[in-house]
C-alpha atoms as a PDB file:
ATOM      1  CA  UNK A   1     -94.186  41.488-154.025  1.00  0.00           C
ATOM      2  CA  UNK A   2     -93.565  39.577-150.813  1.00  0.00           C
ATOM      3  CA  UNK A   3     -95.562  40.740-147.808  1.00  0.00           C
ATOM      4  CA  UNK A   4     -93.685  42.445-144.975  1.00  0.00           C
ATOM      5  CA  UNK A   5     -94.177  41.794-141.290  1.00  0.00           C
ATOM      6  CA  UNK A   6     -95.445  44.503-138.950  1.00  0.00           C
ATOM      7  CA  UNK A   7     -91.956  44.852-137.537  1.00  0.00           C
ATOM      8  CA  UNK A   8     -90.513  45.402-141.007  1.00  0.00           C
ATOM      9  CA  UNK A   9     -93.229  47.961-141.751  1.00  0.00           C
ATOM     10  CA  UNK A  10     -92.451  49.796-138.513  1.00  0.00           C
ATOM     11  CA  UNK A  11     -88.691  49.684-138.574  1.00  0.00           C
ATOM     12  CA  UNK A  12     -87.536  48.688-142.038  1.00  0.00           C
ATOM     13  CA  UNK A  13     -85.550  45.816-140.485  1.00  0.00           C
ATOM     14  CA  UNK A  14     -85.960  42.044-140.876  1.00  0.00           C
ATOM     15  CA  UNK A  15     -87.291  40.087-137.910  1.00  0.00           C
ATOM     16  CA  UNK A  16     -84.010  38.295-137.154  1.00  0.00           C
ATOM     17  CA  UNK A  17     -82.296  41.673-136.666  1.00  0.00           C
ATOM     18  CA  UNK A  18     -85.040  42.805-134.299  1.00  0.00           C
ATOM     19  CA  UNK A  19     -84.769  39.528-132.379  1.00  0.00           C
ATOM     20  CA  UNK A  20     -81.004  39.968-132.086  1.00  0.00           C
ATOM     21  CA  UNK A  21     -81.522  43.504-130.782  1.00  0.00           C
ATOM     22  CA  UNK A  22     -84.006  42.242-128.201  1.00  0.00           C
ATOM     23  CA  UNK A  23     -81.594  39.528-127.040  1.00  0.00           C
ATOM     24  CA  UNK A  24     -78.841  42.134-126.709  1.00  0.00           C
ATOM     25  CA  UNK A  25     -81.028  44.274-124.439  1.00  0.00           C
ATOM     26  CA  UNK A  26     -82.023  41.337-122.245  1.00  0.00           C
ATOM     27  CA  UNK A  27     -78.436  40.087-122.001  1.00  0.00           C
ATOM     28  CA  UNK A  28     -77.639  43.278-120.093  1.00  0.00           C
ATOM     29  CA  UNK A  29     -79.930  42.212-117.245  1.00  0.00           C
ATOM     30  CA  UNK A  30     -78.120  40.957-114.124  1.00  0.00           C
ATOM     31  CA  UNK A  31     -78.268  37.155-113.919  1.00  0.00           C
ATOM     32  CA  UNK A  32     -79.753  37.233-110.427  1.00  0.00           C
ATOM     33  CA  UNK A  33     -82.456  39.750-111.378  1.00  0.00           C
ATOM     34  CA  UNK A  34     -83.441  38.352-114.766  1.00  0.00           C
ATOM     35  CA  UNK A  35     -85.989  35.796-113.439  1.00  0.00           C
ATOM     36  CA  UNK A  36     -87.731  38.595-111.501  1.00  0.00           C
ATOM     37  CA  UNK A  37     -87.954  40.750-114.629  1.00  0.00           C
ATOM     38  CA  UNK A  38     -89.329  37.886-116.693  1.00  0.00           C
ATOM     39  CA  UNK A  39     -91.858  36.904-114.027  1.00  0.00           C
ATOM     40  CA  UNK A  40     -93.052  40.509-113.700  1.00  0.00           C
ATOM     41  CA  UNK A  41     -93.563  40.759-117.449  1.00  0.00           C
ATOM     42  CA  UNK A  42     -95.312  37.378-117.569  1.00  0.00           C
ATOM     43  CA  UNK A  43     -97.730  38.516-114.845  1.00  0.00           C
ATOM     44  CA  UNK A  44     -98.514  41.676-116.796  1.00  0.00           C
ATOM     45  CA  UNK A  45     -99.007  39.786-120.091  1.00  0.00           C
ATOM     46  CA  UNK A  46    -101.362  37.300-118.411  1.00  0.00           C
ATOM     47  CA  UNK A  47    -103.391  40.189-116.950  1.00  0.00           C
ATOM     48  CA  UNK A  48    -103.478  41.891-120.356  1.00  0.00           C
ATOM     49  CA  UNK A  49    -104.648  38.711-122.099  1.00  0.00           C
ATOM     50  CA  UNK A  50    -107.322  38.101-119.479  1.00  0.00           C
ATOM     51  CA  UNK A  51    -108.524  41.714-119.651  1.00  0.00           C
ATOM     52  CA  UNK A  52    -108.584  42.064-123.440  1.00  0.00           C
ATOM     53  CA  UNK A  53    -108.936  38.406-124.450  1.00  0.00           C
ATOM     54  CA  UNK A  54    -106.898  39.153-127.529  1.00  0.00           C
ATOM     55  CA  UNK A  55    -103.258  37.992-127.772  1.00  0.00           C
ATOM     56  CA  UNK A  56    -100.502  40.009-129.397  1.00  0.00           C
ATOM     57  CA  UNK A  57    -101.818  43.480-128.493  1.00  0.00           C
ATOM     58  CA  UNK A  58     -98.985  45.943-127.909  1.00  0.00           C
ATOM     59  CA  UNK A  59     -98.906  47.785-124.622  1.00  0.00           C
ATOM     60  CA  UNK A  60    -100.519  51.222-124.591  1.00  0.00           C
ATOM     61  CA  UNK A  61    -100.763  53.909-121.957  1.00  0.00           C
ATOM     62  CA  UNK A  62    -104.457  53.208-121.180  1.00  0.00           C
ATOM     63  CA  UNK A  63    -103.534  49.556-120.576  1.00  0.00           C
ATOM     64  CA  UNK A  64    -100.702  50.535-118.240  1.00  0.00           C
ATOM     65  CA  UNK A  65    -102.933  52.997-116.384  1.00  0.00           C
ATOM     66  CA  UNK A  66    -105.526  50.277-115.843  1.00  0.00           C
ATOM     67  CA  UNK A  67    -102.880  47.788-114.698  1.00  0.00           C
ATOM     68  CA  UNK A  68    -101.197  50.131-112.230  1.00  0.00           C
ATOM     69  CA  UNK A  69    -104.556  51.365-110.946  1.00  0.00           C
ATOM     70  CA  UNK A  70    -105.264  47.734-110.090  1.00  0.00           C
ATOM     71  CA  UNK A  71    -101.899  47.452-108.298  1.00  0.00           C
ATOM     72  CA  UNK A  72    -102.686  50.621-106.340  1.00  0.00           C
ATOM     73  CA  UNK A  73    -106.071  49.213-105.323  1.00  0.00           C
ATOM     74  CA  UNK A  74    -104.279  46.028-104.204  1.00  0.00           C
ATOM     75  CA  UNK A  75    -102.488  48.203-101.642  1.00  0.00           C
ATOM     76  CA  UNK A  76     -98.940  48.087-103.027  1.00  0.00           C
ATOM     77  CA  UNK A  77     -96.630  50.722-101.570  1.00  0.00           C
ATOM     78  CA  UNK A  78     -94.962  53.354-103.706  1.00  0.00           C
ATOM     79  CA  UNK A  79     -91.524  51.738-103.702  1.00  0.00           C
ATOM     80  CA  UNK A  80     -93.014  48.468-104.995  1.00  0.00           C
ATOM     81  CA  UNK A  81     -95.002  50.274-107.698  1.00  0.00           C
ATOM     82  CA  UNK A  82     -91.880  52.020-108.993  1.00  0.00           C
ATOM     83  CA  UNK A  83     -89.920  48.764-108.870  1.00  0.00           C
ATOM     84  CA  UNK A  84     -92.557  47.064-111.023  1.00  0.00           C
ATOM     85  CA  UNK A  85     -92.614  50.048-113.395  1.00  0.00           C
ATOM     86  CA  UNK A  86     -88.834  49.831-113.813  1.00  0.00           C
ATOM     87  CA  UNK A  87     -88.851  46.098-114.564  1.00  0.00           C
ATOM     88  CA  UNK A  88     -91.767  46.380-116.969  1.00  0.00           C
ATOM     89  CA  UNK A  89     -90.114  49.324-118.723  1.00  0.00           C
ATOM     90  CA  UNK A  90     -87.102  47.164-119.545  1.00  0.00           C
ATOM     91  CA  UNK A  91     -89.073  44.094-120.574  1.00  0.00           C
ATOM     92  CA  UNK A  92     -91.729  45.900-122.638  1.00  0.00           C
ATOM     93  CA  UNK A  93     -89.025  47.880-124.428  1.00  0.00           C
ATOM     94  CA  UNK A  94     -87.262  44.616-125.239  1.00  0.00           C
ATOM     95  CA  UNK A  95     -90.243  42.432-126.132  1.00  0.00           C
ATOM     96  CA  UNK A  96     -92.608  44.989-127.714  1.00  0.00           C
ATOM     97  CA  UNK A  97     -90.372  47.943-128.569  1.00  0.00           C
ATOM     98  CA  UNK A  98     -92.653  50.216-126.556  1.00  0.00           C
ATOM     99  CA  UNK A  99     -91.131  52.803-124.235  1.00  0.00           C
ATOM    100  CA  UNK A 100     -93.466  53.226-121.262  1.00  0.00           C
ATOM    101  CA  UNK A 101     -91.247  55.974-119.845  1.00  0.00           C
ATOM    102  CA  UNK A 102     -92.981  58.262-122.370  1.00  0.00           C
ATOM    103  CA  UNK A 103     -96.382  57.564-120.759  1.00  0.00           C
ATOM    104  CA  UNK A 104     -96.874  60.910-118.994  1.00  0.00           C
ATOM    105  CA  UNK A 105    -100.214  60.076-117.365  1.00  0.00           C
ATOM    106  CA  UNK A 106     -98.779  56.857-115.927  1.00  0.00           C
ATOM    107  CA  UNK A 107     -95.843  58.724-114.402  1.00  0.00           C
ATOM    108  CA  UNK A 108     -98.235  61.287-112.973  1.00  0.00           C
ATOM    109  CA  UNK A 109    -100.240  58.506-111.333  1.00  0.00           C
ATOM    110  CA  UNK A 110     -97.144  57.065-109.678  1.00  0.00           C
ATOM    111  CA  UNK A 111     -95.810  60.464-108.604  1.00  0.00           C
ATOM    112  CA  UNK A 112     -99.138  61.364-107.012  1.00  0.00           C
ATOM    113  CA  UNK A 113     -98.902  58.191-104.953  1.00  0.00           C
ATOM    114  CA  UNK A 114     -95.457  59.278-103.837  1.00  0.00           C
ATOM    115  CA  UNK A 115     -96.655  62.509-102.255  1.00  0.00           C
ATOM    116  CA  UNK A 116     -96.731  62.161 -98.494  1.00  0.00           C
ATOM    117  CA  UNK A 117     -94.998  58.771 -98.651  1.00  0.00           C
ATOM    118  CA  UNK A 118     -91.872  58.251 -96.649  1.00  0.00           C
ATOM    119  CA  UNK A 119     -89.665  55.209 -97.080  1.00  0.00           C
ATOM    120  CA  UNK A 120     -89.387  53.175 -93.906  1.00  0.00           C
ATOM    121  CA  UNK A 121     -85.683  52.875 -93.191  1.00  0.00           C
ATOM    122  CA  UNK A 122     -84.057  50.236 -91.058  1.00  0.00           C
ATOM    123  CA  UNK A 123     -83.255  51.414 -87.558  1.00  0.00           C
ATOM    124  CA  UNK A 124     -79.589  51.845 -86.611  1.00  0.00           C
ATOM    125  CA  UNK A 125     -77.876  50.857 -83.375  1.00  0.00           C
ATOM    126  CA  UNK A 126     -75.808  53.251 -81.273  1.00  0.00           C
ATOM    127  CA  UNK A 127     -72.328  52.468 -79.967  1.00  0.00           C
ATOM    128  CA  UNK A 128     -73.449  51.995 -76.340  1.00  0.00           C
ATOM    129  CA  UNK A 129     -76.046  49.424 -77.390  1.00  0.00           C
ATOM    130  CA  UNK A 130     -73.585  47.391 -79.422  1.00  0.00           C
ATOM    131  CA  UNK A 131     -70.906  47.535 -76.707  1.00  0.00           C
ATOM    132  CA  UNK A 132     -73.439  46.153 -74.233  1.00  0.00           C
ATOM    133  CA  UNK A 133     -74.461  43.335 -76.556  1.00  0.00           C
ATOM    134  CA  UNK A 134     -70.906  42.348 -77.540  1.00  0.00           C
ATOM    135  CA  UNK A 135     -69.642  42.326 -73.953  1.00  0.00           C
ATOM    136  CA  UNK A 136     -72.685  41.138 -71.979  1.00  0.00           C
ATOM    137  CA  UNK A 137     -74.600  38.691 -74.215  1.00  0.00           C
ATOM    138  CA  UNK A 138     -73.550  35.076 -73.421  1.00  0.00           C
ATOM    139  CA  UNK A 139     -71.418  33.485 -76.137  1.00  0.00           C
ATOM    140  CA  UNK A 140     -73.104  30.109 -75.673  1.00  0.00           C
ATOM    141  CA  UNK A 141     -76.248  31.609 -77.165  1.00  0.00           C
ATOM    142  CA  UNK A 142     -75.079  34.601 -79.187  1.00  0.00           C
ATOM    143  CA  UNK A 143     -71.558  33.931 -80.538  1.00  0.00           C
ATOM    144  CA  UNK A 144     -72.741  33.604 -84.149  1.00  0.00           C
ATOM    145  CA  UNK A 145     -74.825  36.774 -83.784  1.00  0.00           C
ATOM    146  CA  UNK A 146     -71.835  38.659 -82.384  1.00  0.00           C
ATOM    147  CA  UNK A 147     -69.734  37.651 -85.397  1.00  0.00           C
ATOM    148  CA  UNK A 148     -72.514  38.785 -87.737  1.00  0.00           C
ATOM    149  CA  UNK A 149     -72.709  42.112 -85.861  1.00  0.00           C
ATOM    150  CA  UNK A 150     -68.970  42.680 -86.161  1.00  0.00           C
ATOM    151  CA  UNK A 151     -68.644  41.764 -89.832  1.00  0.00           C
ATOM    152  CA  UNK A 152     -71.927  43.397 -90.773  1.00  0.00           C
ATOM    153  CA  UNK A 153     -70.946  46.717 -89.220  1.00  0.00           C
ATOM    154  CA  UNK A 154     -67.201  46.753 -89.865  1.00  0.00           C
ATOM    155  CA  UNK A 155     -67.809  45.812 -93.515  1.00  0.00           C
ATOM    156  CA  UNK A 156     -71.181  47.549 -94.077  1.00  0.00           C
ATOM    157  CA  UNK A 157     -72.444  44.162 -95.214  1.00  0.00           C
ATOM    158  CA  UNK A 158     -75.815  43.277 -96.646  1.00  0.00           C
ATOM    159  CA  UNK A 159     -77.343  40.042 -95.394  1.00  0.00           C
ATOM    160  CA  UNK A 160     -76.630  38.280 -98.714  1.00  0.00           C
ATOM    161  CA  UNK A 161     -72.984  39.371 -98.495  1.00  0.00           C
ATOM    162  CA  UNK A 162     -72.727  37.735 -95.070  1.00  0.00           C
ATOM    163  CA  UNK A 163     -74.384  34.599 -96.410  1.00  0.00           C
ATOM    164  CA  UNK A 164     -71.955  34.386 -99.358  1.00  0.00           C
ATOM    165  CA  UNK A 165     -68.858  34.982 -97.214  1.00  0.00           C
ATOM    166  CA  UNK A 166     -66.308  32.151 -97.370  1.00  0.00           C
ATOM    167  CA  UNK A 167     -63.342  31.197 -95.231  1.00  0.00           C
ATOM    168  CA  UNK A 168     -61.224  31.758 -98.343  1.00  0.00           C
ATOM    169  CA  UNK A 169     -62.231  35.426 -98.201  1.00  0.00           C
ATOM    170  CA  UNK A 170     -60.449  35.861 -94.853  1.00  0.00           C
ATOM    171  CA  UNK A 171     -56.744  36.650 -94.596  1.00  0.00           C
ATOM    172  CA  UNK A 172     -55.391  36.126 -91.065  1.00  0.00           C
ATOM    173  CA  UNK A 173     -52.679  38.605 -90.073  1.00  0.00           C
ATOM    174  CA  UNK A 174     -50.951  39.141 -86.723  1.00  0.00           C
ATOM    175  CA  UNK A 175     -53.254  41.830 -85.365  1.00  0.00           C
ATOM    176  CA  UNK A 176     -56.213  41.670 -87.704  1.00  0.00           C
ATOM    177  CA  UNK A 177     -58.339  39.797 -90.196  1.00  0.00           C
ATOM    178  CA  UNK A 178     -58.543  41.230 -93.718  1.00  0.00           C
ATOM    179  CA  UNK A 179     -61.861  40.218 -95.248  1.00  0.00           C
ATOM    180  CA  UNK A 180     -62.789  40.575 -98.919  1.00  0.00           C
ATOM    181  CA  UNK A 181     -66.386  40.781-100.151  1.00  0.00           C
ATOM    182  CA  UNK A 182     -66.164  39.644-103.786  1.00  0.00           C
ATOM    183  CA  UNK A 183     -69.902  39.220-104.456  1.00  0.00           C
ATOM    184  CA  UNK A 184     -71.637  42.569-104.033  1.00  0.00           C
ATOM    185  CA  UNK A 185     -74.866  44.074-105.337  1.00  0.00           C
ATOM    186  CA  UNK A 186     -73.030  46.810-107.228  1.00  0.00           C
ATOM    187  CA  UNK A 187     -70.210  44.580-108.471  1.00  0.00           C
ATOM    188  CA  UNK A 188     -67.635  46.594-106.498  1.00  0.00           C
ATOM    189  CA  UNK A 189     -65.235  44.370-104.542  1.00  0.00           C
ATOM    190  CA  UNK A 190     -64.823  45.657-100.983  1.00  0.00           C
ATOM    191  CA  UNK A 191     -62.263  44.840 -98.305  1.00  0.00           C
ATOM    192  CA  UNK A 192     -62.343  45.597 -94.578  1.00  0.00           C
ATOM    193  CA  UNK A 193     -60.393  44.773 -91.410  1.00  0.00           C
ATOM    194  CA  UNK A 194     -61.342  43.191 -88.086  1.00  0.00           C
ATOM    195  CA  UNK A 195     -58.779  44.220 -85.504  1.00  0.00           C
ATOM    196  CA  UNK A 196     -57.890  43.014 -81.992  1.00  0.00           C
ATOM    197  CA  UNK A 197     -59.763  42.234 -79.743  1.00  0.00           C
ATOM    198  CA  UNK A 198     -62.654  41.436 -82.095  1.00  0.00           C
ATOM    199  CA  UNK A 199     -60.404  39.313 -84.291  1.00  0.00           C
ATOM    200  CA  UNK A 200     -60.200  36.696 -81.522  1.00  0.00           C
ATOM    201  CA  UNK A 201     -63.984  36.458 -81.259  1.00  0.00           C
ATOM    202  CA  UNK A 202     -64.309  35.701 -84.987  1.00  0.00           C
ATOM    203  CA  UNK A 203     -61.539  33.100 -84.825  1.00  0.00           C
ATOM    204  CA  UNK A 204     -63.229  31.467 -81.827  1.00  0.00           C
ATOM    205  CA  UNK A 205     -66.390  30.997 -83.895  1.00  0.00           C
ATOM    206  CA  UNK A 206     -64.373  29.584 -86.814  1.00  0.00           C
ATOM    207  CA  UNK A 207     -62.563  27.149 -84.476  1.00  0.00           C
ATOM    208  CA  UNK A 208     -65.900  25.502 -83.619  1.00  0.00           C
ATOM    209  CA  UNK A 209     -66.472  24.270 -87.181  1.00  0.00           C
ATOM    210  CA  UNK A 210     -66.879  20.478 -87.473  1.00  0.00           C
ATOM    211  CA  UNK A 211     -63.760  18.842 -88.876  1.00  0.00           C
ATOM    212  CA  UNK A 212     -65.614  16.914 -91.577  1.00  0.00           C
ATOM    213  CA  UNK A 213     -67.424  19.946 -93.000  1.00  0.00           C
ATOM    214  CA  UNK A 214     -67.493  19.867 -96.823  1.00  0.00           C
ATOM    215  CA  UNK A 215     -68.151  23.502 -97.707  1.00  0.00           C
ATOM    216  CA  UNK A 216     -66.383  26.806 -97.161  1.00  0.00           C
ATOM    217  CA  UNK A 217     -69.274  28.995 -95.967  1.00  0.00           C
ATOM    218  CA  UNK A 218     -68.216  31.147 -93.028  1.00  0.00           C
ATOM    219  CA  UNK A 219     -71.606  31.330 -91.364  1.00  0.00           C
ATOM    220  CA  UNK A 220     -72.920  27.955 -90.218  1.00  0.00           C
ATOM    221  CA  UNK A 221     -75.641  27.128 -87.735  1.00  0.00           C
ATOM    222  CA  UNK A 222     -74.732  27.528 -84.074  1.00  0.00           C
ATOM    223  CA  UNK A 223     -76.564  26.446 -80.944  1.00  0.00           C
ATOM    224  CA  UNK A 224     -75.674  25.600 -77.351  1.00  0.00           C
ATOM    225  CA  UNK A 225     -72.049  26.581 -77.910  1.00  0.00           C
ATOM    226  CA  UNK A 226     -71.544  24.242 -80.866  1.00  0.00           C
ATOM    227  CA  UNK A 227     -71.582  24.558 -84.668  1.00  0.00           C
ATOM    228  CA  UNK A 228     -73.228  22.179 -87.115  1.00  0.00           C
ATOM    229  CA  UNK A 229     -72.281  21.666 -90.764  1.00  0.00           C
ATOM    230  CA  UNK A 230     -75.391  23.332 -92.194  1.00  0.00           C
ATOM    231  CA  UNK A 231     -74.766  26.721 -93.870  1.00  0.00           C
ATOM    232  CA  UNK A 232     -76.738  29.529 -92.327  1.00  0.00           C
ATOM    233  CA  UNK A 233     -79.675  30.785 -94.402  1.00  0.00           C
ATOM    234  CA  UNK A 234     -80.182  34.349 -95.554  1.00  0.00           C
ATOM    235  CA  UNK A 235     -83.364  34.768 -93.500  1.00  0.00           C
ATOM    236  CA  UNK A 236     -81.629  33.781 -90.282  1.00  0.00           C
ATOM    237  CA  UNK A 237     -78.801  36.217 -90.975  1.00  0.00           C
ATOM    238  CA  UNK A 238     -81.323  38.901 -91.895  1.00  0.00           C
ATOM    239  CA  UNK A 239     -83.112  38.361 -88.589  1.00  0.00           C
ATOM    240  CA  UNK A 240     -80.018  38.851 -86.437  1.00  0.00           C
ATOM    241  CA  UNK A 241     -80.381  42.643 -86.009  1.00  0.00           C
ATOM    242  CA  UNK A 242     -83.860  42.059 -84.563  1.00  0.00           C
ATOM    243  CA  UNK A 243     -82.407  39.385 -82.277  1.00  0.00           C
ATOM    244  CA  UNK A 244     -79.897  41.936 -80.974  1.00  0.00           C
ATOM    245  CA  UNK A 245     -82.660  44.525 -80.487  1.00  0.00           C
ATOM    246  CA  UNK A 246     -84.771  42.041 -78.501  1.00  0.00           C
ATOM    247  CA  UNK A 247     -81.826  41.155 -76.261  1.00  0.00           C
ATOM    248  CA  UNK A 248     -81.311  44.871 -75.562  1.00  0.00           C
ATOM    249  CA  UNK A 249     -85.065  45.394 -74.979  1.00  0.00           C
ATOM    250  CA  UNK A 250     -85.154  48.148 -77.610  1.00  0.00           C
ATOM    251  CA  UNK A 251     -88.466  49.631 -78.708  1.00  0.00           C
ATOM    252  CA  UNK A 252     -89.943  48.375 -81.981  1.00  0.00           C
ATOM    253  CA  UNK A 253     -87.399  45.580 -82.587  1.00  0.00           C
ATOM    254  CA  UNK A 254     -89.102  44.823 -85.929  1.00  0.00           C
ATOM    255  CA  UNK A 255     -87.553  48.047 -87.287  1.00  0.00           C
ATOM    256  CA  UNK A 256     -84.103  46.433 -87.014  1.00  0.00           C
ATOM    257  CA  UNK A 257     -84.235  44.663 -90.360  1.00  0.00           C
ATOM    258  CA  UNK A 258     -81.539  42.841 -92.301  1.00  0.00           C
ATOM    259  CA  UNK A 259     -80.272  46.243 -93.485  1.00  0.00           C
ATOM    260  CA  UNK A 260     -79.681  47.518 -89.923  1.00  0.00           C
ATOM    261  CA  UNK A 261     -76.002  46.507 -89.724  1.00  0.00           C
ATOM    262  CA  UNK A 262     -75.173  48.245 -93.010  1.00  0.00           C
ATOM    263  CA  UNK A 263     -77.091  51.353 -92.000  1.00  0.00           C
ATOM    264  CA  UNK A 264     -75.399  51.395 -88.584  1.00  0.00           C
ATOM    265  CA  UNK A 265     -71.984  51.100 -90.229  1.00  0.00           C
ATOM    266  CA  UNK A 266     -72.565  54.065 -92.550  1.00  0.00           C
ATOM    267  CA  UNK A 267     -74.031  56.112 -89.685  1.00  0.00           C
ATOM    268  CA  UNK A 268     -70.982  55.473 -87.465  1.00  0.00           C
ATOM    269  CA  UNK A 269     -68.628  56.463 -90.261  1.00  0.00           C
ATOM    270  CA  UNK A 270     -70.576  59.625 -91.099  1.00  0.00           C
ATOM    271  CA  UNK A 271     -70.683  60.615 -87.417  1.00  0.00           C
ATOM    272  CA  UNK A 272     -66.907  60.190 -87.301  1.00  0.00           C
ATOM    273  CA  UNK A 273     -66.604  62.861 -90.004  1.00  0.00           C
ATOM    274  CA  UNK A 274     -65.741  60.584 -92.943  1.00  0.00           C
ATOM    275  CA  UNK A 275     -65.544  62.189 -96.359  1.00  0.00           C
ATOM    276  CA  UNK A 276     -67.944  61.446 -99.173  1.00  0.00           C
ATOM    277  CA  UNK A 277     -65.242  59.450-100.959  1.00  0.00           C
ATOM    278  CA  UNK A 278     -64.540  57.326 -97.871  1.00  0.00           C
ATOM    279  CA  UNK A 279     -68.230  56.595 -97.359  1.00  0.00           C
ATOM    280  CA  UNK A 280     -68.727  55.599-101.004  1.00  0.00           C
ATOM    281  CA  UNK A 281     -65.707  53.307-100.926  1.00  0.00           C
ATOM    282  CA  UNK A 282     -66.741  51.745 -97.603  1.00  0.00           C
ATOM    283  CA  UNK A 283     -70.304  50.968 -98.683  1.00  0.00           C
ATOM    284  CA  UNK A 284     -69.533  50.308-102.338  1.00  0.00           C
ATOM    285  CA  UNK A 285     -72.031  52.929-103.521  1.00  0.00           C
ATOM    286  CA  UNK A 286     -71.617  54.162-107.087  1.00  0.00           C
ATOM    287  CA  UNK A 287     -73.647  57.354-106.697  1.00  0.00           C
ATOM    288  CA  UNK A 288     -72.996  60.273-104.377  1.00  0.00           C
ATOM    289  CA  UNK A 289     -76.648  60.550-103.331  1.00  0.00           C
ATOM    290  CA  UNK A 290     -76.760  57.617-100.892  1.00  0.00           C
ATOM    291  CA  UNK A 291     -73.502  58.523 -99.161  1.00  0.00           C
ATOM    292  CA  UNK A 292     -74.495  62.189 -99.018  1.00  0.00           C
ATOM    293  CA  UNK A 293     -77.736  61.217 -97.273  1.00  0.00           C
ATOM    294  CA  UNK A 294     -75.783  59.604 -94.430  1.00  0.00           C
ATOM    295  CA  UNK A 295     -73.623  62.705 -94.066  1.00  0.00           C
ATOM    296  CA  UNK A 296     -76.722  64.919 -94.057  1.00  0.00           C
ATOM    297  CA  UNK A 297     -78.419  62.710 -91.421  1.00  0.00           C
ATOM    298  CA  UNK A 298     -75.340  62.444 -89.234  1.00  0.00           C
ATOM    299  CA  UNK A 299     -76.105  63.630 -85.695  1.00  0.00           C
ATOM    300  CA  UNK A 300     -72.518  64.688 -85.208  1.00  0.00           C
ATOM    301  CA  UNK A 301     -72.735  66.780 -88.365  1.00  0.00           C
ATOM    302  CA  UNK A 302     -76.010  68.330 -87.209  1.00  0.00           C
ATOM    303  CA  UNK A 303     -74.432  69.209 -83.841  1.00  0.00           C
ATOM    304  CA  UNK A 304     -71.480  70.801 -85.639  1.00  0.00           C
ATOM    305  CA  UNK A 305     -73.822  72.871 -87.810  1.00  0.00           C
ATOM    306  CA  UNK A 306     -75.818  73.786 -84.707  1.00  0.00           C
ATOM    307  CA  UNK A 307     -72.644  75.028 -83.004  1.00  0.00           C
ATOM    308  CA  UNK A 308     -71.691  77.070 -86.063  1.00  0.00           C
ATOM    309  CA  UNK A 309     -75.090  78.717 -86.395  1.00  0.00           C
ATOM    310  CA  UNK A 310     -75.583  79.023 -82.640  1.00  0.00           C
ATOM    311  CA  UNK A 311     -72.205  80.712 -82.362  1.00  0.00           C
ATOM    312  CA  UNK A 312     -73.361  83.372 -84.792  1.00  0.00           C
ATOM    313  CA  UNK A 313     -76.218  84.170 -82.438  1.00  0.00           C
ATOM    314  CA  UNK A 314     -73.845  84.802 -79.542  1.00  0.00           C
ATOM    315  CA  UNK A 315     -71.361  87.198 -81.067  1.00  0.00           C
ATOM    316  CA  UNK A 316     -69.739  88.013 -84.386  1.00  0.00           C
ATOM    317  CA  UNK A 317     -66.349  86.589 -83.481  1.00  0.00           C
ATOM    318  CA  UNK A 318     -67.737  83.095 -82.904  1.00  0.00           C
ATOM    319  CA  UNK A 319     -69.425  83.054 -86.296  1.00  0.00           C
ATOM    320  CA  UNK A 320     -67.208  80.976 -88.576  1.00  0.00           C
ATOM    321  CA  UNK A 321     -68.500  81.126 -92.140  1.00  0.00           C
ATOM    322  CA  UNK A 322     -65.508  79.433 -93.707  1.00  0.00           C
END
């Protein structure tokens, strides 16, 4: 009788079927994220080989506990630990057919690290601050930043969405620009408008493009009132909120990260009383949770609730429970 492989013993399936199943799982990974997943798994496998000095050992809960205890001792924050857990869960399931989500002690370790931890969120600008920057900051130095502010906030754009924005994504109409964001993190195509007078500011920046430019990137380097042909990098775009904060002399400008424009956009919309559906569509969020968080954190909404509850303390007639 022919010998059977370990995989056939475990699953009753030939190896080529198991390989096909593994490839099917990995094909579901986003193209942009796949290298990160593979690198994370490679790092873990190298640690495992170095620790055990025995190749081919399947992952067990004690191994994962030891590995994540090391990551904790290295000082990794909770969000990073969970991110690594998620990537390893996918890769280990695919490569070893081991489901680490069933490792109760490992989950307990990560959840204990989460207690008392609060995610540091990007700071958001207020309307008065942005009005001051857009109207007072000199265009010779800040025109490209102003355009990034406008598009980032009007479109709730991530820094990579600004970087990937093309002239072909802009439709020029009489009183507005209609801008499409085709490449998004969630795969949801979004569209937004830039109306007068801000439309003219964006067109002024576009008009400064060199005539011999060979690419279609909207954001190109800008200095001393002139544009060069070089596309603007994602780090420069991500640093623009901090540049605005420093111009305005705001406290802790480092808190205005590349996510600040998107956060400001959602905050403005929530303060204006936008519905959950409108917020989800504007930001391209698939789940209700993120949009609901902006509504819950809205200062305008908190003031409204304060008026409703405070009214009940004054007299019965002012208490509206509808």
